[in-house]
Amino acid sequence: MRIKKLGFEKNMFRKTRFIKKKPVRGFRDLEIYQKTQESAAQVVRLVPEILKDKNYPTEKKVIEMALDIPAQIARAHSQRYEDRPGAMRRMEEILQRCDWMIVHLEQARDIFASDEKDKTALTEIIRRYGTVRVKIRNLHKAWKRWGEENPSGFPGNYSR
């Protein structure tokens, strides 16, 4: 194989790990939806266990917010053609919710998590929310740019 002769691995393209992503056909194909869904599942499993008998005032709110972020991503994806300003506002709200999750998970980690394993798990969830926040911001910018190029809100080959 020519690729092996050049010293490249299977997924290497010009000495970078370039992987072509599959097209987005629905909100479930969005990486940000998948990552926030995984993070929500981890929060629901981990946070009640860590905060058991600790009297943390916003424990239920943290769980509700974690579950709500993927749902809001799905709603924004559905709105992006019909109600572009509403979808953009929703994306900004999702960014705020990610920030809120990071703050409250850091508080739970620093104040209530005593086990090193729990601290490590919460740190990983916090890191994931930070990473996905950057990706949500990039998607927000892309949708905004696309809206400026297509003011009608529909693809160029679409006709009513």
N, C-alpha and C. Protein backbone atom coordinates (compact mmCIF):
# COMPACT_ATOMS: atom_id res chain seq x y z
N MET A 1 0.84 -1.18 0.00
CA MET A 1 0.00 0.00 0.00
C MET A 1 0.89 1.25 0.00
N ARG A 2 0.60 2.18 -0.86
CA ARG A 2 1.42 3.38 -1.00
C ARG A 2 1.44 4.21 0.29
N ILE A 3 0.34 4.26 0.99
CA ILE A 3 0.27 5.05 2.21
C ILE A 3 1.28 4.54 3.23
N LYS A 4 1.38 3.24 3.38
CA LYS A 4 2.32 2.66 4.35
C LYS A 4 3.75 2.94 3.94
N LYS A 5 4.04 2.96 2.65
CA LYS A 5 5.40 3.24 2.19
C LYS A 5 5.83 4.64 2.57
N LEU A 6 4.88 5.57 2.57
CA LEU A 6 5.21 6.95 2.92
C LEU A 6 5.29 7.16 4.43
N GLY A 7 4.92 6.15 5.19
CA GLY A 7 5.00 6.26 6.64
C GLY A 7 3.74 6.84 7.27
N PHE A 8 2.66 6.94 6.50
CA PHE A 8 1.42 7.47 7.04
C PHE A 8 0.58 6.33 7.59
N GLU A 9 -0.18 6.64 8.62
CA GLU A 9 -1.13 5.66 9.13
C GLU A 9 -2.37 5.70 8.25
N LYS A 10 -3.30 4.81 8.55
CA LYS A 10 -4.52 4.68 7.74
C LYS A 10 -5.33 5.99 7.72
N ASN A 11 -5.47 6.64 8.85
CA ASN A 11 -6.29 7.85 8.94
C ASN A 11 -5.48 9.13 8.80
N MET A 12 -4.33 9.04 8.22
CA MET A 12 -3.50 10.23 8.07
C MET A 12 -3.72 10.87 6.70
N PHE A 13 -3.78 12.18 6.69
CA PHE A 13 -3.91 12.95 5.46
C PHE A 13 -2.98 14.14 5.59
N ARG A 14 -1.97 14.17 4.78
CA ARG A 14 -0.97 15.24 4.83
C ARG A 14 -0.42 15.44 6.24
N LYS A 15 -0.08 14.35 6.86
CA LYS A 15 0.51 14.32 8.20
C LYS A 15 -0.40 14.88 9.28
N THR A 16 -1.70 14.91 9.04
CA THR A 16 -2.66 15.30 10.07
C THR A 16 -3.72 14.21 10.16
N ARG A 17 -4.35 14.13 11.28
CA ARG A 17 -5.43 13.16 11.45
C ARG A 17 -6.73 13.79 10.93
N PHE A 18 -6.96 13.66 9.67
CA PHE A 18 -8.15 14.21 9.05
C PHE A 18 -9.16 13.08 8.89
N ILE A 19 -10.33 13.25 9.47
CA ILE A 19 -11.38 12.26 9.34
C ILE A 19 -12.60 12.97 8.77
N LYS A 20 -13.06 12.50 7.65
CA LYS A 20 -14.23 13.10 7.04
C LYS A 20 -15.45 12.72 7.88
N LYS A 21 -16.21 13.74 8.29
CA LYS A 21 -17.40 13.50 9.10
C LYS A 21 -18.58 13.19 8.21
N LYS A 22 -19.47 12.37 8.72
CA LYS A 22 -20.66 12.05 7.94
C LYS A 22 -21.60 13.26 7.95
N PRO A 23 -22.43 13.41 6.93
CA PRO A 23 -23.30 14.59 6.86
C PRO A 23 -24.35 14.58 7.97
N VAL A 24 -24.75 15.78 8.37
CA VAL A 24 -25.76 15.94 9.41
C VAL A 24 -27.13 15.88 8.76
N ARG A 25 -27.87 14.86 9.09
CA ARG A 25 -29.23 14.70 8.56
C ARG A 25 -30.29 15.06 9.59
N GLY A 26 -29.94 15.00 10.84
CA GLY A 26 -30.85 15.33 11.92
C GLY A 26 -30.05 15.74 13.14
N PHE A 27 -30.75 16.16 14.19
CA PHE A 27 -30.04 16.64 15.37
C PHE A 27 -29.22 15.54 16.04
N ARG A 28 -29.61 14.28 15.88
CA ARG A 28 -28.84 13.19 16.50
C ARG A 28 -27.48 12.99 15.85
N ASP A 29 -27.29 13.53 14.66
CA ASP A 29 -25.99 13.45 13.99
C ASP A 29 -25.02 14.52 14.47
N LEU A 30 -25.52 15.53 15.17
CA LEU A 30 -24.66 16.60 15.67
C LEU A 30 -23.78 16.07 16.80
N GLU A 31 -22.50 16.33 16.68
CA GLU A 31 -21.57 15.87 17.72
C GLU A 31 -21.87 16.53 19.06
N ILE A 32 -22.29 17.79 19.04
CA ILE A 32 -22.59 18.47 20.30
C ILE A 32 -23.78 17.83 21.00
N TYR A 33 -24.76 17.35 20.23
CA TYR A 33 -25.89 16.66 20.85
C TYR A 33 -25.42 15.36 21.49
N GLN A 34 -24.62 14.60 20.78
CA GLN A 34 -24.14 13.32 21.30
C GLN A 34 -23.31 13.51 22.56
N LYS A 35 -22.41 14.48 22.54
CA LYS A 35 -21.54 14.72 23.70
C LYS A 35 -22.32 15.23 24.91
N THR A 36 -23.27 16.13 24.69
CA THR A 36 -24.05 16.62 25.83
C THR A 36 -24.98 15.53 26.37
N GLN A 37 -25.45 14.66 25.50
CA GLN A 37 -26.28 13.54 25.95
C GLN A 37 -25.45 12.59 26.83
N GLU A 38 -24.23 12.30 26.42
CA GLU A 38 -23.34 11.45 27.22
C GLU A 38 -23.02 12.12 28.56
N SER A 39 -22.75 13.41 28.53
CA SER A 39 -22.43 14.13 29.76
C SER A 39 -23.63 14.17 30.70
N ALA A 40 -24.83 14.34 30.14
CA ALA A 40 -26.04 14.35 30.96
C ALA A 40 -26.23 13.00 31.66
N ALA A 41 -25.98 11.92 30.94
CA ALA A 41 -26.11 10.60 31.55
C ALA A 41 -25.11 10.43 32.70
N GLN A 42 -23.91 10.93 32.51
CA GLN A 42 -22.90 10.84 33.58
C GLN A 42 -23.29 11.70 34.78
N VAL A 43 -23.82 12.89 34.52
CA VAL A 43 -24.24 13.78 35.61
C VAL A 43 -25.37 13.13 36.41
N VAL A 44 -26.35 12.56 35.71
CA VAL A 44 -27.48 11.94 36.39
C VAL A 44 -27.03 10.75 37.25
N ARG A 45 -26.04 10.01 36.79
CA ARG A 45 -25.54 8.87 37.56
C ARG A 45 -24.64 9.29 38.71
N LEU A 46 -23.82 10.31 38.49
CA LEU A 46 -22.75 10.64 39.44
C LEU A 46 -23.15 11.67 40.49
N VAL A 47 -23.82 12.73 40.10
CA VAL A 47 -24.08 13.85 41.01
C VAL A 47 -24.94 13.44 42.22
N PRO A 48 -26.05 12.71 42.05
CA PRO A 48 -26.81 12.33 43.25
C PRO A 48 -26.00 11.47 44.22
N GLU A 49 -25.12 10.65 43.67
CA GLU A 49 -24.28 9.80 44.51
C GLU A 49 -23.29 10.64 45.33
N ILE A 50 -22.69 11.64 44.70
CA ILE A 50 -21.72 12.50 45.39
C ILE A 50 -22.41 13.41 46.40
N LEU A 51 -23.56 13.94 46.03
CA LEU A 51 -24.23 14.93 46.88
C LEU A 51 -25.24 14.32 47.84
N LYS A 52 -25.24 13.00 47.97
CA LYS A 52 -26.17 12.34 48.87
C LYS A 52 -25.93 12.84 50.30
N ASP A 53 -26.99 13.29 50.96
CA ASP A 53 -26.95 13.78 52.34
C ASP A 53 -26.04 15.00 52.53
N LYS A 54 -25.76 15.75 51.47
CA LYS A 54 -24.88 16.92 51.58
C LYS A 54 -25.66 18.23 51.59
N ASN A 55 -26.95 18.19 51.29
CA ASN A 55 -27.81 19.36 51.30
C ASN A 55 -27.32 20.45 50.34
N TYR A 56 -26.97 20.05 49.12
CA TYR A 56 -26.56 21.01 48.09
C TYR A 56 -27.83 21.64 47.52
N PRO A 57 -27.97 22.97 47.57
CA PRO A 57 -29.25 23.60 47.23
C PRO A 57 -29.71 23.43 45.78
N THR A 58 -28.82 23.25 44.85
CA THR A 58 -29.22 23.19 43.44
C THR A 58 -28.96 21.82 42.81
N GLU A 59 -28.99 20.76 43.62
CA GLU A 59 -28.73 19.42 43.08
C GLU A 59 -29.72 19.05 41.98
N LYS A 60 -31.01 19.25 42.24
CA LYS A 60 -32.03 18.91 41.24
C LYS A 60 -31.91 19.81 40.01
N LYS A 61 -31.55 21.06 40.22
CA LYS A 61 -31.40 22.00 39.10
C LYS A 61 -30.24 21.59 38.20
N VAL A 62 -29.15 21.09 38.79
CA VAL A 62 -28.00 20.63 38.00
C VAL A 62 -28.43 19.48 37.10
N ILE A 63 -29.19 18.54 37.66
CA ILE A 63 -29.64 17.38 36.89
C ILE A 63 -30.61 17.82 35.79
N GLU A 64 -31.56 18.70 36.14
CA GLU A 64 -32.51 19.20 35.14
C GLU A 64 -31.79 19.93 34.00
N MET A 65 -30.82 20.74 34.36
CA MET A 65 -30.08 21.50 33.34
C MET A 65 -29.28 20.57 32.44
N ALA A 66 -28.65 19.56 33.03
CA ALA A 66 -27.87 18.60 32.24
C ALA A 66 -28.77 17.88 31.24
N LEU A 67 -29.98 17.53 31.66
CA LEU A 67 -30.91 16.85 30.76
C LEU A 67 -31.51 17.80 29.74
N ASP A 68 -31.60 19.07 30.08
CA ASP A 68 -32.24 20.05 29.20
C ASP A 68 -31.34 20.50 28.05
N ILE A 69 -30.03 20.50 28.24
CA ILE A 69 -29.12 21.00 27.19
C ILE A 69 -29.27 20.22 25.89
N PRO A 70 -29.26 18.87 25.88
CA PRO A 70 -29.45 18.16 24.61
C PRO A 70 -30.82 18.44 23.98
N ALA A 71 -31.85 18.59 24.82
CA ALA A 71 -33.19 18.90 24.29
C ALA A 71 -33.21 20.27 23.62
N GLN A 72 -32.52 21.24 24.20
CA GLN A 72 -32.45 22.57 23.61
C GLN A 72 -31.67 22.56 22.29
N ILE A 73 -30.65 21.73 22.21
CA ILE A 73 -29.90 21.60 20.95
C ILE A 73 -30.81 21.06 19.86
N ALA A 74 -31.63 20.07 20.20
CA ALA A 74 -32.57 19.50 19.23
C ALA A 74 -33.58 20.55 18.78
N ARG A 75 -34.09 21.35 19.72
CA ARG A 75 -35.05 22.40 19.36
C ARG A 75 -34.42 23.46 18.46
N ALA A 76 -33.20 23.87 18.79
CA ALA A 76 -32.50 24.88 17.97
C ALA A 76 -32.26 24.35 16.57
N HIS A 77 -31.89 23.09 16.46
CA HIS A 77 -31.65 22.49 15.14
C HIS A 77 -32.94 22.48 14.33
N SER A 78 -34.07 22.22 14.98
CA SER A 78 -35.35 22.20 14.27
C SER A 78 -35.80 23.60 13.87
N GLN A 79 -35.43 24.60 14.65
CA GLN A 79 -35.87 25.98 14.40
C GLN A 79 -35.02 26.72 13.38
N ARG A 80 -33.87 26.23 13.04
CA ARG A 80 -32.90 27.05 12.32
C ARG A 80 -33.38 27.54 10.96
N TYR A 81 -34.34 26.88 10.32
CA TYR A 81 -34.85 27.34 9.03
C TYR A 81 -36.08 28.23 9.18
N GLU A 82 -36.98 27.86 10.06
CA GLU A 82 -38.25 28.59 10.18
C GLU A 82 -38.14 29.85 11.03
N ASP A 83 -37.43 29.75 12.15
CA ASP A 83 -37.32 30.87 13.08
C ASP A 83 -35.85 31.08 13.41
N ARG A 84 -35.11 31.62 12.45
CA ARG A 84 -33.66 31.78 12.63
C ARG A 84 -33.31 32.61 13.86
N PRO A 85 -33.93 33.77 14.09
CA PRO A 85 -33.57 34.53 15.30
C PRO A 85 -33.85 33.74 16.58
N GLY A 86 -34.94 32.99 16.60
CA GLY A 86 -35.25 32.16 17.77
C GLY A 86 -34.22 31.07 17.97
N ALA A 87 -33.77 30.46 16.88
CA ALA A 87 -32.75 29.42 16.98
C ALA A 87 -31.43 30.00 17.46
N MET A 88 -31.10 31.19 17.02
CA MET A 88 -29.85 31.82 17.45
C MET A 88 -29.91 32.18 18.93
N ARG A 89 -31.07 32.69 19.39
CA ARG A 89 -31.23 32.98 20.81
C ARG A 89 -31.13 31.70 21.64
N ARG A 90 -31.71 30.63 21.13
CA ARG A 90 -31.66 29.35 21.84
C ARG A 90 -30.22 28.85 21.94
N MET A 91 -29.43 29.03 20.88
CA MET A 91 -28.02 28.62 20.93
C MET A 91 -27.26 29.43 21.98
N GLU A 92 -27.58 30.72 22.09
CA GLU A 92 -26.93 31.55 23.12
C GLU A 92 -27.33 31.09 24.51
N GLU A 93 -28.59 30.68 24.67
CA GLU A 93 -29.04 30.13 25.96
C GLU A 93 -28.31 28.83 26.28
N ILE A 94 -28.08 28.01 25.28
CA ILE A 94 -27.35 26.75 25.48
C ILE A 94 -25.93 27.05 25.94
N LEU A 95 -25.31 28.07 25.36
CA LEU A 95 -23.96 28.46 25.79
C LEU A 95 -23.97 28.89 27.26
N GLN A 96 -24.99 29.65 27.66
CA GLN A 96 -25.10 30.07 29.05
C GLN A 96 -25.32 28.88 29.97
N ARG A 97 -26.11 27.92 29.52
CA ARG A 97 -26.37 26.73 30.34
C ARG A 97 -25.11 25.89 30.51
N CYS A 98 -24.29 25.82 29.48
CA CYS A 98 -23.01 25.10 29.61
C CYS A 98 -22.13 25.79 30.64
N ASP A 99 -22.08 27.12 30.60
CA ASP A 99 -21.31 27.86 31.60
C ASP A 99 -21.85 27.59 33.01
N TRP A 100 -23.18 27.60 33.14
CA TRP A 100 -23.82 27.35 34.42
C TRP A 100 -23.47 25.95 34.93
N MET A 101 -23.49 24.96 34.03
CA MET A 101 -23.14 23.59 34.42
C MET A 101 -21.70 23.51 34.90
N ILE A 102 -20.80 24.18 34.20
CA ILE A 102 -19.39 24.16 34.60
C ILE A 102 -19.22 24.75 36.00
N VAL A 103 -19.87 25.88 36.26
CA VAL A 103 -19.75 26.54 37.56
C VAL A 103 -20.26 25.62 38.67
N HIS A 104 -21.44 25.06 38.50
CA HIS A 104 -22.03 24.25 39.57
C HIS A 104 -21.34 22.91 39.74
N LEU A 105 -20.86 22.33 38.67
CA LEU A 105 -20.11 21.08 38.82
C LEU A 105 -18.76 21.33 39.50
N GLU A 106 -18.13 22.48 39.21
CA GLU A 106 -16.88 22.82 39.91
C GLU A 106 -17.14 23.03 41.39
N GLN A 107 -18.25 23.69 41.73
CA GLN A 107 -18.59 23.88 43.13
C GLN A 107 -18.83 22.54 43.82
N ALA A 108 -19.57 21.66 43.17
CA ALA A 108 -19.83 20.34 43.75
C ALA A 108 -18.53 19.57 43.94
N ARG A 109 -17.64 19.66 42.96
CA ARG A 109 -16.35 18.96 43.05
C ARG A 109 -15.50 19.51 44.19
N ASP A 110 -15.39 20.84 44.25
CA ASP A 110 -14.49 21.46 45.22
C ASP A 110 -15.03 21.42 46.65
N ILE A 111 -16.34 21.47 46.82
CA ILE A 111 -16.91 21.54 48.16
C ILE A 111 -17.29 20.16 48.70
N PHE A 112 -17.93 19.34 47.87
CA PHE A 112 -18.55 18.12 48.38
C PHE A 112 -17.85 16.82 48.02
N ALA A 113 -17.11 16.78 46.94
CA ALA A 113 -16.48 15.52 46.52
C ALA A 113 -15.25 15.27 47.38
N SER A 114 -15.29 14.19 48.14
CA SER A 114 -14.15 13.87 49.01
C SER A 114 -13.29 12.76 48.43
N ASP A 115 -13.90 11.89 47.66
CA ASP A 115 -13.18 10.76 47.06
C ASP A 115 -12.44 11.25 45.81
N GLU A 116 -11.21 10.81 45.64
CA GLU A 116 -10.40 11.23 44.49
C GLU A 116 -11.02 10.75 43.17
N LYS A 117 -11.65 9.59 43.20
CA LYS A 117 -12.30 9.04 42.00
C LYS A 117 -13.45 9.95 41.56
N ASP A 118 -14.24 10.44 42.52
CA ASP A 118 -15.35 11.34 42.20
C ASP A 118 -14.83 12.68 41.67
N LYS A 119 -13.77 13.18 42.26
CA LYS A 119 -13.19 14.44 41.79
C LYS A 119 -12.69 14.30 40.36
N THR A 120 -12.05 13.18 40.06
CA THR A 120 -11.55 12.95 38.71
C THR A 120 -12.71 12.84 37.71
N ALA A 121 -13.78 12.15 38.11
CA ALA A 121 -14.94 12.00 37.22
C ALA A 121 -15.60 13.35 36.96
N LEU A 122 -15.76 14.15 38.00
CA LEU A 122 -16.36 15.48 37.82
C LEU A 122 -15.46 16.38 36.98
N THR A 123 -14.16 16.29 37.17
CA THR A 123 -13.23 17.08 36.36
C THR A 123 -13.36 16.71 34.89
N GLU A 124 -13.53 15.44 34.59
CA GLU A 124 -13.70 14.99 33.20
C GLU A 124 -15.01 15.52 32.61
N ILE A 125 -16.08 15.50 33.39
CA ILE A 125 -17.36 16.03 32.91
C ILE A 125 -17.25 17.54 32.66
N ILE A 126 -16.59 18.25 33.57
CA ILE A 126 -16.39 19.69 33.42
C ILE A 126 -15.59 19.98 32.15
N ARG A 127 -14.55 19.19 31.91
CA ARG A 127 -13.73 19.37 30.70
C ARG A 127 -14.57 19.15 29.45
N ARG A 128 -15.44 18.13 29.49
CA ARG A 128 -16.30 17.85 28.33
C ARG A 128 -17.26 19.01 28.06
N TYR A 129 -17.85 19.58 29.11
CA TYR A 129 -18.74 20.72 28.91
C TYR A 129 -17.98 21.92 28.35
N GLY A 130 -16.75 22.11 28.78
CA GLY A 130 -15.94 23.20 28.22
C GLY A 130 -15.63 22.99 26.75
N THR A 131 -15.31 21.75 26.39
CA THR A 131 -15.01 21.43 24.99
C THR A 131 -16.25 21.58 24.12
N VAL A 132 -17.37 21.05 24.60
CA VAL A 132 -18.59 21.11 23.80
C VAL A 132 -19.09 22.56 23.69
N ARG A 133 -18.79 23.39 24.69
CA ARG A 133 -19.18 24.79 24.62
C ARG A 133 -18.50 25.49 23.45
N VAL A 134 -17.23 25.19 23.24
CA VAL A 134 -16.49 25.76 22.10
C VAL A 134 -17.12 25.30 20.79
N LYS A 135 -17.50 24.03 20.72
CA LYS A 135 -18.11 23.50 19.49
C LYS A 135 -19.49 24.10 19.25
N ILE A 136 -20.24 24.33 20.33
CA ILE A 136 -21.55 24.97 20.20
C ILE A 136 -21.37 26.40 19.68
N ARG A 137 -20.38 27.10 20.20
CA ARG A 137 -20.10 28.47 19.73
C ARG A 137 -19.72 28.48 18.25
N ASN A 138 -18.92 27.51 17.83
CA ASN A 138 -18.55 27.43 16.41
C ASN A 138 -19.77 27.14 15.54
N LEU A 139 -20.65 26.25 16.01
CA LEU A 139 -21.88 25.96 15.26
C LEU A 139 -22.77 27.20 15.20
N HIS A 140 -22.85 27.92 16.30
CA HIS A 140 -23.62 29.16 16.34
C HIS A 140 -23.10 30.15 15.30
N LYS A 141 -21.79 30.31 15.22
CA LYS A 141 -21.19 31.20 14.22
C LYS A 141 -21.48 30.72 12.80
N ALA A 142 -21.41 29.41 12.57
CA ALA A 142 -21.67 28.87 11.24
C ALA A 142 -23.12 29.10 10.84
N TRP A 143 -24.06 28.87 11.76
CA TRP A 143 -25.46 29.11 11.45
C TRP A 143 -25.71 30.59 11.18
N LYS A 144 -25.05 31.45 11.94
CA LYS A 144 -25.21 32.89 11.74
C LYS A 144 -24.68 33.29 10.37
N ARG A 145 -23.50 32.79 10.03
CA ARG A 145 -22.89 33.09 8.72
C ARG A 145 -23.78 32.56 7.60
N TRP A 146 -24.31 31.36 7.75
CA TRP A 146 -25.17 30.77 6.73
C TRP A 146 -26.45 31.59 6.59
N GLY A 147 -26.96 32.13 7.70
CA GLY A 147 -28.16 32.96 7.65
C GLY A 147 -27.93 34.26 6.90
N GLU A 148 -26.73 34.80 7.00
CA GLU A 148 -26.41 36.03 6.28
C GLU A 148 -26.29 35.77 4.79
N GLU A 149 -25.80 34.58 4.42
CA GLU A 149 -25.67 34.22 3.01
C GLU A 149 -27.02 33.86 2.39
N ASN A 150 -27.93 33.31 3.19
CA ASN A 150 -29.25 32.89 2.73
C ASN A 150 -30.32 33.56 3.58
N PRO A 151 -30.67 34.82 3.30
CA PRO A 151 -31.61 35.54 4.14
C PRO A 151 -33.00 34.92 4.20
N SER A 152 -33.38 34.16 3.17
CA SER A 152 -34.70 33.53 3.20
C SER A 152 -34.76 32.40 4.21
N GLY A 153 -33.59 31.89 4.61
CA GLY A 153 -33.56 30.80 5.57
C GLY A 153 -33.62 29.44 4.94
N PHE A 154 -33.70 29.38 3.62
CA PHE A 154 -33.79 28.10 2.93
C PHE A 154 -32.56 27.91 2.04
N PRO A 155 -32.17 26.66 1.79
CA PRO A 155 -31.03 26.41 0.91
C PRO A 155 -31.25 27.04 -0.46
N GLY A 156 -30.16 27.33 -1.17
CA GLY A 156 -30.22 28.00 -2.46
C GLY A 156 -31.01 27.26 -3.52
N ASN A 157 -31.05 25.94 -3.47
CA ASN A 157 -31.77 25.18 -4.49
C ASN A 157 -33.22 24.92 -4.09
N TYR A 158 -33.69 25.51 -3.00
CA TYR A 158 -35.05 25.30 -2.53
C TYR A 158 -35.94 26.39 -3.10
N SER A 159 -37.10 26.02 -3.61
CA SER A 159 -38.04 27.03 -4.10
C SER A 159 -39.42 26.72 -3.54
N ARG A 160 -40.14 27.77 -3.21
CA ARG A 160 -41.49 27.60 -2.67
C ARG A 160 -42.50 27.73 -3.76
